[in-house]
């Protein structure tokens, strides 16, 4: 019998976010967890196969190899629309 563990998958846009809780088999890799969450039903434009993934804010280097642990949250990262340095410069310019 396969042991099941409880995990979450999160994805967010500036105006919308979703967290899905699911049970997966122990030993399931991070990318498979993201696939099983079926986030494309909420975000049809999402490309799970090429998305960068992380666990609790820390990027996972090998999401096709690293197994998830019980209680962890997989985060699906989207591409940045503005360079972070440019965004900080813009905020600083506005506050002056």
PDB file of N, CA and C in Angstrom:
ATOM      1  N   UNK A   1       0.841  -1.190   0.000  1.00  0.00           N
ATOM      2  CA  UNK A   1       0.000   0.000   0.000  1.00  0.00           C
ATOM      3  C   UNK A   1       0.883   1.249   0.000  1.00  0.00           C
ATOM      4  N   UNK A   2       0.553   2.187  -0.853  1.00  0.00           N
ATOM      5  CA  UNK A   2       1.317   3.419  -0.973  1.00  0.00           C
ATOM      6  C   UNK A   2       0.881   4.416   0.090  1.00  0.00           C
ATOM      7  N   UNK A   3       1.857   5.002   0.762  1.00  0.00           N
ATOM      8  CA  UNK A   3       1.564   6.019   1.758  1.00  0.00           C
ATOM      9  C   UNK A   3       1.248   7.332   1.062  1.00  0.00           C
ATOM     10  N   UNK A   4       0.188   7.985   1.489  1.00  0.00           N
ATOM     11  CA  UNK A   4      -0.209   9.283   0.929  1.00  0.00           C
ATOM     12  C   UNK A   4       0.222  10.392   1.879  1.00  0.00           C
ATOM     13  N   UNK A   5       0.617  11.523   1.301  1.00  0.00           N
ATOM     14  CA  UNK A   5       0.977  12.691   2.096  1.00  0.00           C
ATOM     15  C   UNK A   5       0.170  13.890   1.622  1.00  0.00           C
ATOM     16  N   UNK A   6      -0.055  14.839   2.522  1.00  0.00           N
ATOM     17  CA  UNK A   6      -0.815  16.054   2.222  1.00  0.00           C
ATOM     18  C   UNK A   6       0.166  17.162   1.844  1.00  0.00           C
ATOM     19  N   UNK A   7      -0.068  17.822   0.689  1.00  0.00           N
ATOM     20  CA  UNK A   7       0.766  18.922   0.217  1.00  0.00           C
ATOM     21  C   UNK A   7      -0.131  20.013  -0.376  1.00  0.00           C
ATOM     22  N   UNK A   8       0.460  21.148  -0.698  1.00  0.00           N
ATOM     23  CA  UNK A   8      -0.259  22.238  -1.348  1.00  0.00           C
ATOM     24  C   UNK A   8       0.514  22.690  -2.573  1.00  0.00           C
ATOM     25  N   UNK A   9      -0.198  23.293  -3.512  1.00  0.00           N
ATOM     26  CA  UNK A   9       0.412  23.915  -4.690  1.00  0.00           C
ATOM     27  C   UNK A   9      -0.172  25.316  -4.792  1.00  0.00           C
ATOM     28  N   UNK A  10       0.698  26.314  -5.003  1.00  0.00           N
ATOM     29  CA  UNK A  10       0.261  27.709  -5.075  1.00  0.00           C
ATOM     30  C   UNK A  10       0.738  28.365  -6.362  1.00  0.00           C
ATOM     31  N   UNK A  11      -0.124  29.236  -6.899  1.00  0.00           N
ATOM     32  CA  UNK A  11       0.230  30.050  -8.052  1.00  0.00           C
ATOM     33  C   UNK A  11      -0.499  31.374  -7.906  1.00  0.00           C
ATOM     34  N   UNK A  12       0.162  32.460  -8.299  1.00  0.00           N
ATOM     35  CA  UNK A  12      -0.463  33.768  -8.143  1.00  0.00           C
ATOM     36  C   UNK A  12      -0.121  34.693  -9.297  1.00  0.00           C
ATOM     37  N   UNK A  13      -1.107  35.462  -9.674  1.00  0.00           N
ATOM     38  CA  UNK A  13      -0.953  36.586 -10.578  1.00  0.00           C
ATOM     39  C   UNK A  13      -1.183  37.835  -9.730  1.00  0.00           C
ATOM     40  N   UNK A  14      -0.867  39.017 -10.226  1.00  0.00           N
ATOM     41  CA  UNK A  14      -1.090  40.215  -9.403  1.00  0.00           C
ATOM     42  C   UNK A  14      -2.535  40.356  -8.915  1.00  0.00           C
ATOM     43  N   UNK A  15      -3.501  39.912  -9.722  1.00  0.00           N
ATOM     44  CA  UNK A  15      -4.899  40.112  -9.358  1.00  0.00           C
ATOM     45  C   UNK A  15      -5.621  38.840  -8.910  1.00  0.00           C
ATOM     46  N   UNK A  16      -4.941  37.698  -8.943  1.00  0.00           N
ATOM     47  CA  UNK A  16      -5.622  36.436  -8.636  1.00  0.00           C
ATOM     48  C   UNK A  16      -4.605  35.422  -8.125  1.00  0.00           C
ATOM     49  N   UNK A  17      -4.999  34.657  -7.125  1.00  0.00           N
ATOM     50  CA  UNK A  17      -4.129  33.592  -6.627  1.00  0.00           C
ATOM     51  C   UNK A  17      -4.956  32.364  -6.298  1.00  0.00           C
ATOM     52  N   UNK A  18      -4.286  31.223  -6.254  1.00  0.00           N
ATOM     53  CA  UNK A  18      -4.986  29.976  -5.933  1.00  0.00           C
ATOM     54  C   UNK A  18      -4.020  29.051  -5.203  1.00  0.00           C
ATOM     55  N   UNK A  19      -4.504  28.426  -4.152  1.00  0.00           N
ATOM     56  CA  UNK A  19      -3.760  27.385  -3.435  1.00  0.00           C
ATOM     57  C   UNK A  19      -4.636  26.146  -3.445  1.00  0.00           C
ATOM     58  N   UNK A  20      -4.063  25.046  -3.915  1.00  0.00           N
ATOM     59  CA  UNK A  20      -4.778  23.776  -4.004  1.00  0.00           C
ATOM     60  C   UNK A  20      -4.134  22.788  -3.039  1.00  0.00           C
ATOM     61  N   UNK A  21      -4.931  22.161  -2.196  1.00  0.00           N
ATOM     62  CA  UNK A  21      -4.451  21.099  -1.303  1.00  0.00           C
ATOM     63  C   UNK A  21      -4.733  19.760  -1.965  1.00  0.00           C
ATOM     64  N   UNK A  22      -3.792  18.858  -1.871  1.00  0.00           N
ATOM     65  CA  UNK A  22      -4.018  17.533  -2.430  1.00  0.00           C
ATOM     66  C   UNK A  22      -3.189  16.478  -1.727  1.00  0.00           C
ATOM     67  N   UNK A  23      -3.608  15.250  -1.916  1.00  0.00           N
ATOM     68  CA  UNK A  23      -2.884  14.096  -1.396  1.00  0.00           C
ATOM     69  C   UNK A  23      -2.141  13.452  -2.554  1.00  0.00           C
ATOM     70  N   UNK A  24      -0.859  13.176  -2.316  1.00  0.00           N
ATOM     71  CA  UNK A  24      -0.049  12.517  -3.345  1.00  0.00           C
ATOM     72  C   UNK A  24       0.677  11.345  -2.702  1.00  0.00           C
ATOM     73  N   UNK A  25       1.163  10.463  -3.546  1.00  0.00           N
ATOM     74  CA  UNK A  25       1.936   9.330  -3.040  1.00  0.00           C
ATOM     75  C   UNK A  25       3.280   9.826  -2.516  1.00  0.00           C
ATOM     76  N   UNK A  26       3.690   9.279  -1.394  1.00  0.00           N
ATOM     77  CA  UNK A  26       5.005   9.606  -0.862  1.00  0.00           C
ATOM     78  C   UNK A  26       6.050   9.293  -1.928  1.00  0.00           C
ATOM     79  N   UNK A  27       7.003  10.211  -2.118  1.00  0.00           N
ATOM     80  CA  UNK A  27       8.035  10.025  -3.131  1.00  0.00           C
ATOM     81  C   UNK A  27       7.731  10.713  -4.451  1.00  0.00           C
ATOM     82  N   UNK A  28       6.547  11.346  -4.570  1.00  0.00           N
ATOM     83  CA  UNK A  28       6.185  12.069  -5.789  1.00  0.00           C
ATOM     84  C   UNK A  28       7.122  13.259  -5.953  1.00  0.00           C
ATOM     85  N   UNK A  29       7.592  13.483  -7.188  1.00  0.00           N
ATOM     86  CA  UNK A  29       8.515  14.600  -7.422  1.00  0.00           C
ATOM     87  C   UNK A  29       7.746  15.908  -7.569  1.00  0.00           C
ATOM     88  N   UNK A  30       8.444  17.007  -7.346  1.00  0.00           N
ATOM     89  CA  UNK A  30       7.848  18.337  -7.306  1.00  0.00           C
ATOM     90  C   UNK A  30       7.046  18.656  -8.572  1.00  0.00           C
ATOM     91  N   UNK A  31       7.611  18.411  -9.755  1.00  0.00           N
ATOM     92  CA  UNK A  31       6.880  18.759 -10.983  1.00  0.00           C
ATOM     93  C   UNK A  31       5.601  17.933 -11.108  1.00  0.00           C
ATOM     94  N   UNK A  32       5.638  16.664 -10.706  1.00  0.00           N
ATOM     95  CA  UNK A  32       4.425  15.840 -10.775  1.00  0.00           C
ATOM     96  C   UNK A  32       3.343  16.358  -9.824  1.00  0.00           C
ATOM     97  N   UNK A  33       3.757  16.876  -8.675  1.00  0.00           N
ATOM     98  CA  UNK A  33       2.789  17.468  -7.750  1.00  0.00           C
ATOM     99  C   UNK A  33       2.126  18.672  -8.418  1.00  0.00           C
ATOM    100  N   UNK A  34       2.936  19.506  -9.073  1.00  0.00           N
ATOM    101  CA  UNK A  34       2.384  20.681  -9.768  1.00  0.00           C
ATOM    102  C   UNK A  34       1.414  20.249 -10.865  1.00  0.00           C
ATOM    103  N   UNK A  35       1.753  19.193 -11.573  1.00  0.00           N
ATOM    104  CA  UNK A  35       0.853  18.684 -12.622  1.00  0.00           C
ATOM    105  C   UNK A  35      -0.463  18.204 -12.022  1.00  0.00           C
ATOM    106  N   UNK A  36      -0.368  17.441 -10.921  1.00  0.00           N
ATOM    107  CA  UNK A  36      -1.561  16.861 -10.307  1.00  0.00           C
ATOM    108  C   UNK A  36      -2.498  17.920  -9.737  1.00  0.00           C
ATOM    109  N   UNK A  37      -1.979  19.091  -9.408  1.00  0.00           N
ATOM    110  CA  UNK A  37      -2.825  20.169  -8.877  1.00  0.00           C
ATOM    111  C   UNK A  37      -3.756  20.737  -9.947  1.00  0.00           C
ATOM    112  N   UNK A  38      -3.420  20.507 -11.221  1.00  0.00           N
ATOM    113  CA  UNK A  38      -4.263  20.934 -12.342  1.00  0.00           C
ATOM    114  C   UNK A  38      -4.596  22.431 -12.283  1.00  0.00           C
ATOM    115  N   UNK A  39      -3.584  23.249 -12.047  1.00  0.00           N
ATOM    116  CA  UNK A  39      -3.768  24.700 -11.971  1.00  0.00           C
ATOM    117  C   UNK A  39      -4.216  25.313 -13.294  1.00  0.00           C
ATOM    118  N   UNK A  40      -4.023  24.602 -14.389  1.00  0.00           N
ATOM    119  CA  UNK A  40      -4.431  25.153 -15.686  1.00  0.00           C
ATOM    120  C   UNK A  40      -5.953  25.314 -15.792  1.00  0.00           C
ATOM    121  N   UNK A  41      -6.706  24.662 -14.921  1.00  0.00           N
ATOM    122  CA  UNK A  41      -8.164  24.880 -14.937  1.00  0.00           C
ATOM    123  C   UNK A  41      -8.500  26.280 -14.437  1.00  0.00           C
ATOM    124  N   UNK A  42      -7.627  26.873 -13.620  1.00  0.00           N
ATOM    125  CA  UNK A  42      -7.814  28.239 -13.126  1.00  0.00           C
ATOM    126  C   UNK A  42      -7.016  29.255 -13.944  1.00  0.00           C
ATOM    127  N   UNK A  43      -5.873  28.798 -14.470  1.00  0.00           N
ATOM    128  CA  UNK A  43      -4.957  29.663 -15.218  1.00  0.00           C
ATOM    129  C   UNK A  43      -4.592  28.950 -16.522  1.00  0.00           C
ATOM    130  N   UNK A  44      -5.433  29.025 -17.551  1.00  0.00           N
ATOM    131  CA  UNK A  44      -5.213  28.270 -18.788  1.00  0.00           C
ATOM    132  C   UNK A  44      -3.879  28.577 -19.475  1.00  0.00           C
ATOM    133  N   UNK A  45      -3.330  29.753 -19.262  1.00  0.00           N
ATOM    134  CA  UNK A  45      -2.077  30.141 -19.914  1.00  0.00           C
ATOM    135  C   UNK A  45      -0.837  29.553 -19.243  1.00  0.00           C
ATOM    136  N   UNK A  46      -1.010  28.937 -18.103  1.00  0.00           N
ATOM    137  CA  UNK A  46       0.107  28.409 -17.322  1.00  0.00           C
ATOM    138  C   UNK A  46       0.765  27.219 -18.020  1.00  0.00           C
ATOM    139  N   UNK A  47       2.092  27.254 -18.108  1.00  0.00           N
ATOM    140  CA  UNK A  47       2.884  26.187 -18.732  1.00  0.00           C
ATOM    141  C   UNK A  47       3.675  25.454 -17.646  1.00  0.00           C
ATOM    142  N   UNK A  48       3.073  24.445 -17.034  1.00  0.00           N
ATOM    143  CA  UNK A  48       3.693  23.700 -15.937  1.00  0.00           C
ATOM    144  C   UNK A  48       5.006  23.049 -16.364  1.00  0.00           C
ATOM    145  N   UNK A  49       5.066  22.586 -17.592  1.00  0.00           N
ATOM    146  CA  UNK A  49       6.253  21.854 -18.053  1.00  0.00           C
ATOM    147  C   UNK A  49       7.509  22.725 -18.071  1.00  0.00           C
ATOM    148  N   UNK A  50       7.356  24.022 -18.248  1.00  0.00           N
ATOM    149  CA  UNK A  50       8.508  24.920 -18.333  1.00  0.00           C
ATOM    150  C   UNK A  50       8.596  25.909 -17.178  1.00  0.00           C
ATOM    151  N   UNK A  51       7.630  25.865 -16.283  1.00  0.00           N
ATOM    152  CA  UNK A  51       7.612  26.815 -15.162  1.00  0.00           C
ATOM    153  C   UNK A  51       8.709  26.487 -14.154  1.00  0.00           C
ATOM    154  N   UNK A  52       9.245  27.539 -13.561  1.00  0.00           N
ATOM    155  CA  UNK A  52      10.179  27.362 -12.456  1.00  0.00           C
ATOM    156  C   UNK A  52       9.343  27.063 -11.217  1.00  0.00           C
ATOM    157  N   UNK A  53       9.839  26.158 -10.384  1.00  0.00           N
ATOM    158  CA  UNK A  53       9.098  25.725  -9.201  1.00  0.00           C
ATOM    159  C   UNK A  53       9.931  25.917  -7.948  1.00  0.00           C
ATOM    160  N   UNK A  54       9.261  26.068  -6.818  1.00  0.00           N
ATOM    161  CA  UNK A  54       9.945  26.199  -5.544  1.00  0.00           C
ATOM    162  C   UNK A  54       9.117  25.589  -4.439  1.00  0.00           C
ATOM    163  N   UNK A  55       9.736  25.523  -3.273  1.00  0.00           N
ATOM    164  CA  UNK A  55       9.048  25.041  -2.071  1.00  0.00           C
ATOM    165  C   UNK A  55       9.254  26.094  -0.995  1.00  0.00           C
ATOM    166  N   UNK A  56       8.157  26.669  -0.519  1.00  0.00           N
ATOM    167  CA  UNK A  56       8.183  27.713   0.511  1.00  0.00           C
ATOM    168  C   UNK A  56       9.182  28.817   0.184  1.00  0.00           C
ATOM    169  N   UNK A  57       9.160  29.331  -1.044  1.00  0.00           N
ATOM    170  CA  UNK A  57       9.981  30.471  -1.418  1.00  0.00           C
ATOM    171  C   UNK A  57      11.407  30.168  -1.824  1.00  0.00           C
ATOM    172  N   UNK A  58      11.768  28.915  -1.846  1.00  0.00           N
ATOM    173  CA  UNK A  58      13.120  28.544  -2.245  1.00  0.00           C
ATOM    174  C   UNK A  58      13.053  27.730  -3.534  1.00  0.00           C
ATOM    175  N   UNK A  59      13.746  28.198  -4.565  1.00  0.00           N
ATOM    176  CA  UNK A  59      13.713  27.532  -5.871  1.00  0.00           C
ATOM    177  C   UNK A  59      14.220  26.097  -5.760  1.00  0.00           C
ATOM    178  N   UNK A  60      13.577  25.219  -6.515  1.00  0.00           N
ATOM    179  CA  UNK A  60      13.992  23.818  -6.591  1.00  0.00           C
ATOM    180  C   UNK A  60      14.779  23.655  -7.883  1.00  0.00           C
ATOM    181  N   UNK A  61      16.031  23.264  -7.778  1.00  0.00           N
ATOM    182  CA  UNK A  61      16.891  23.140  -8.957  1.00  0.00           C
ATOM    183  C   UNK A  61      16.482  22.017  -9.891  1.00  0.00           C
ATOM    184  N   UNK A  62      16.058  20.898  -9.328  1.00  0.00           N
ATOM    185  CA  UNK A  62      15.703  19.734 -10.139  1.00  0.00           C
ATOM    186  C   UNK A  62      14.303  19.247  -9.778  1.00  0.00           C
ATOM    187  N   UNK A  63      13.277  19.987 -10.226  1.00  0.00           N
ATOM    188  CA  UNK A  63      11.905  19.623  -9.842  1.00  0.00           C
ATOM    189  C   UNK A  63      11.434  18.293 -10.413  1.00  0.00           C
ATOM    190  N   UNK A  64      12.138  17.787 -11.433  1.00  0.00           N
ATOM    191  CA  UNK A  64      11.772  16.489 -11.996  1.00  0.00           C
ATOM    192  C   UNK A  64      12.430  15.337 -11.247  1.00  0.00           C
ATOM    193  N   UNK A  65      13.260  15.675 -10.255  1.00  0.00           N
ATOM    194  CA  UNK A  65      13.957  14.645  -9.480  1.00  0.00           C
ATOM    195  C   UNK A  65      13.690  14.736  -7.979  1.00  0.00           C
ATOM    196  N   UNK A  66      13.482  15.950  -7.465  1.00  0.00           N
ATOM    197  CA  UNK A  66      13.325  16.135  -6.020  1.00  0.00           C
ATOM    198  C   UNK A  66      11.937  15.717  -5.550  1.00  0.00           C
ATOM    199  N   UNK A  67      11.895  14.856  -4.554  1.00  0.00           N
ATOM    200  CA  UNK A  67      10.620  14.394  -3.986  1.00  0.00           C
ATOM    201  C   UNK A  67      10.077  15.422  -3.000  1.00  0.00           C
ATOM    202  N   UNK A  68       8.775  15.518  -2.966  1.00  0.00           N
ATOM    203  CA  UNK A  68       8.085  16.419  -2.034  1.00  0.00           C
ATOM    204  C   UNK A  68       7.953  15.713  -0.684  1.00  0.00           C
ATOM    205  N   UNK A  69       7.878  16.508   0.375  1.00  0.00           N
ATOM    206  CA  UNK A  69       7.688  15.959   1.722  1.00  0.00           C
ATOM    207  C   UNK A  69       6.323  16.407   2.242  1.00  0.00           C
ATOM    208  N   UNK A  70       5.798  15.659   3.161  1.00  0.00           N
ATOM    209  CA  UNK A  70       4.488  15.968   3.744  1.00  0.00           C
ATOM    210  C   UNK A  70       4.470  17.389   4.296  1.00  0.00           C
ATOM    211  N   UNK A  71       3.392  18.111   4.006  1.00  0.00           N
ATOM    212  CA  UNK A  71       3.211  19.449   4.534  1.00  0.00           C
ATOM    213  C   UNK A  71       3.866  20.561   3.726  1.00  0.00           C
ATOM    214  N   UNK A  72       4.626  20.223   2.700  1.00  0.00           N
ATOM    215  CA  UNK A  72       5.289  21.256   1.908  1.00  0.00           C
ATOM    216  C   UNK A  72       4.316  21.893   0.921  1.00  0.00           C
ATOM    217  N   UNK A  73       4.680  23.113   0.494  1.00  0.00           N
ATOM    218  CA  UNK A  73       3.872  23.822  -0.500  1.00  0.00           C
ATOM    219  C   UNK A  73       4.736  24.086  -1.729  1.00  0.00           C
ATOM    220  N   UNK A  74       4.325  23.541  -2.863  1.00  0.00           N
ATOM    221  CA  UNK A  74       4.995  23.800  -4.135  1.00  0.00           C
ATOM    222  C   UNK A  74       4.484  25.135  -4.646  1.00  0.00           C
ATOM    223  N   UNK A  75       5.408  25.999  -5.043  1.00  0.00           N
ATOM    224  CA  UNK A  75       5.046  27.284  -5.611  1.00  0.00           C
ATOM    225  C   UNK A  75       5.447  27.303  -7.076  1.00  0.00           C
ATOM    226  N   UNK A  76       4.522  27.720  -7.916  1.00  0.00           N
ATOM    227  CA  UNK A  76       4.775  27.833  -9.346  1.00  0.00           C
ATOM    228  C   UNK A  76       5.103  29.298  -9.614  1.00  0.00           C
ATOM    229  N   UNK A  77       6.304  29.546 -10.126  1.00  0.00           N
ATOM    230  CA  UNK A  77       6.740  30.922 -10.351  1.00  0.00           C
ATOM    231  C   UNK A  77       6.447  31.359 -11.773  1.00  0.00           C
ATOM    232  N   UNK A  78       6.066  32.605 -11.918  1.00  0.00           N
ATOM    233  CA  UNK A  78       5.841  33.163 -13.246  1.00  0.00           C
ATOM    234  C   UNK A  78       7.028  34.057 -13.595  1.00  0.00           C
ATOM    235  N   UNK A  79       7.170  34.327 -14.871  1.00  0.00           N
ATOM    236  CA  UNK A  79       8.242  35.199 -15.321  1.00  0.00           C
ATOM    237  C   UNK A  79       8.002  36.615 -14.813  1.00  0.00           C
ATOM    238  N   UNK A  80       9.065  37.303 -14.448  1.00  0.00           N
ATOM    239  CA  UNK A  80       8.941  38.685 -14.002  1.00  0.00           C
ATOM    240  C   UNK A  80       8.660  39.584 -15.198  1.00  0.00           C
ATOM    241  N   UNK A  81       7.774  40.545 -15.009  1.00  0.00           N
ATOM    242  CA  UNK A  81       7.462  41.464 -16.105  1.00  0.00           C
ATOM    243  C   UNK A  81       8.364  42.689 -16.077  1.00  0.00           C
ATOM    244  N   UNK A  82       8.937  42.992 -14.907  1.00  0.00           N
ATOM    245  CA  UNK A  82       9.841  44.121 -14.753  1.00  0.00           C
ATOM    246  C   UNK A  82      11.076  43.644 -13.995  1.00  0.00           C
ATOM    247  N   UNK A  83      12.234  44.079 -14.444  1.00  0.00           N
ATOM    248  CA  UNK A  83      13.473  43.756 -13.747  1.00  0.00           C
ATOM    249  C   UNK A  83      13.393  44.294 -12.317  1.00  0.00           C
ATOM    250  N   UNK A  84      13.719  43.483 -11.297  1.00  0.00           N
ATOM    251  CA  UNK A  84      13.606  43.938  -9.905  1.00  0.00           C
ATOM    252  C   UNK A  84      14.395  45.214  -9.609  1.00  0.00           C
ATOM    253  N   UNK A  85      15.559  45.379 -10.214  1.00  0.00           N
ATOM    254  CA  UNK A  85      16.355  46.603  -9.992  1.00  0.00           C
ATOM    255  C   UNK A  85      15.624  47.817 -10.551  1.00  0.00           C
ATOM    256  N   UNK A  86      15.028  47.655 -11.709  1.00  0.00           N
ATOM    257  CA  UNK A  86      14.285  48.749 -12.334  1.00  0.00           C
ATOM    258  C   UNK A  86      13.052  49.092 -11.485  1.00  0.00           C
ATOM    259  N   UNK A  87      12.370  48.079 -10.966  1.00  0.00           N
ATOM    260  CA  UNK A  87      11.194  48.310 -10.130  1.00  0.00           C
ATOM    261  C   UNK A  87      11.569  49.087  -8.868  1.00  0.00           C
ATOM    262  N   UNK A  88      12.681  48.729  -8.233  1.00  0.00           N
ATOM    263  CA  UNK A  88      13.131  49.462  -7.036  1.00  0.00           C
ATOM    264  C   UNK A  88      13.468  50.908  -7.381  1.00  0.00           C
ATOM    265  N   UNK A  89      14.140  51.112  -8.516  1.00  0.00           N
ATOM    266  CA  UNK A  89      14.483  52.469  -8.944  1.00  0.00           C
ATOM    267  C   UNK A  89      13.224  53.287  -9.189  1.00  0.00           C
ATOM    268  N   UNK A  90      12.218  52.668  -9.803  1.00  0.00           N
ATOM    269  CA  UNK A  90      10.951  53.367 -10.056  1.00  0.00           C
ATOM    270  C   UNK A  90      10.269  53.759  -8.748  1.00  0.00           C
ATOM    271  N   UNK A  91      10.260  52.848  -7.762  1.00  0.00           N
ATOM    272  CA  UNK A  91       9.640  53.146  -6.463  1.00  0.00           C
ATOM    273  C   UNK A  91      10.391  54.274  -5.740  1.00  0.00           C
ATOM    274  N   UNK A  92      11.721  54.229  -5.823  1.00  0.00           N
ATOM    275  CA  UNK A  92      12.525  55.266  -5.175  1.00  0.00           C
ATOM    276  C   UNK A  92      12.262  56.630  -5.817  1.00  0.00           C
ATOM    277  N   UNK A  93      12.131  56.643  -7.129  1.00  0.00           N
ATOM    278  CA  UNK A  93      11.877  57.903  -7.828  1.00  0.00           C
ATOM    279  C   UNK A  93      10.513  58.476  -7.448  1.00  0.00           C
ATOM    280  N   UNK A  94       9.525  57.620  -7.239  1.00  0.00           N
ATOM    281  CA  UNK A  94       8.183  58.071  -6.867  1.00  0.00           C
ATOM    282  C   UNK A  94       8.148  58.640  -5.456  1.00  0.00           C
ATOM    283  N   UNK A  95       8.962  58.089  -4.547  1.00  0.00           N
ATOM    284  CA  UNK A  95       8.928  58.520  -3.146  1.00  0.00           C
ATOM    285  C   UNK A  95       9.673  59.828  -2.928  1.00  0.00           C
ATOM    286  N   UNK A  96      10.427  60.275  -3.885  1.00  0.00           N
ATOM    287  CA  UNK A  96      11.167  61.557  -3.745  1.00  0.00           C
ATOM    288  C   UNK A  96      10.366  62.738  -4.167  1.00  0.00           C
TER     289      UNK A  96
END
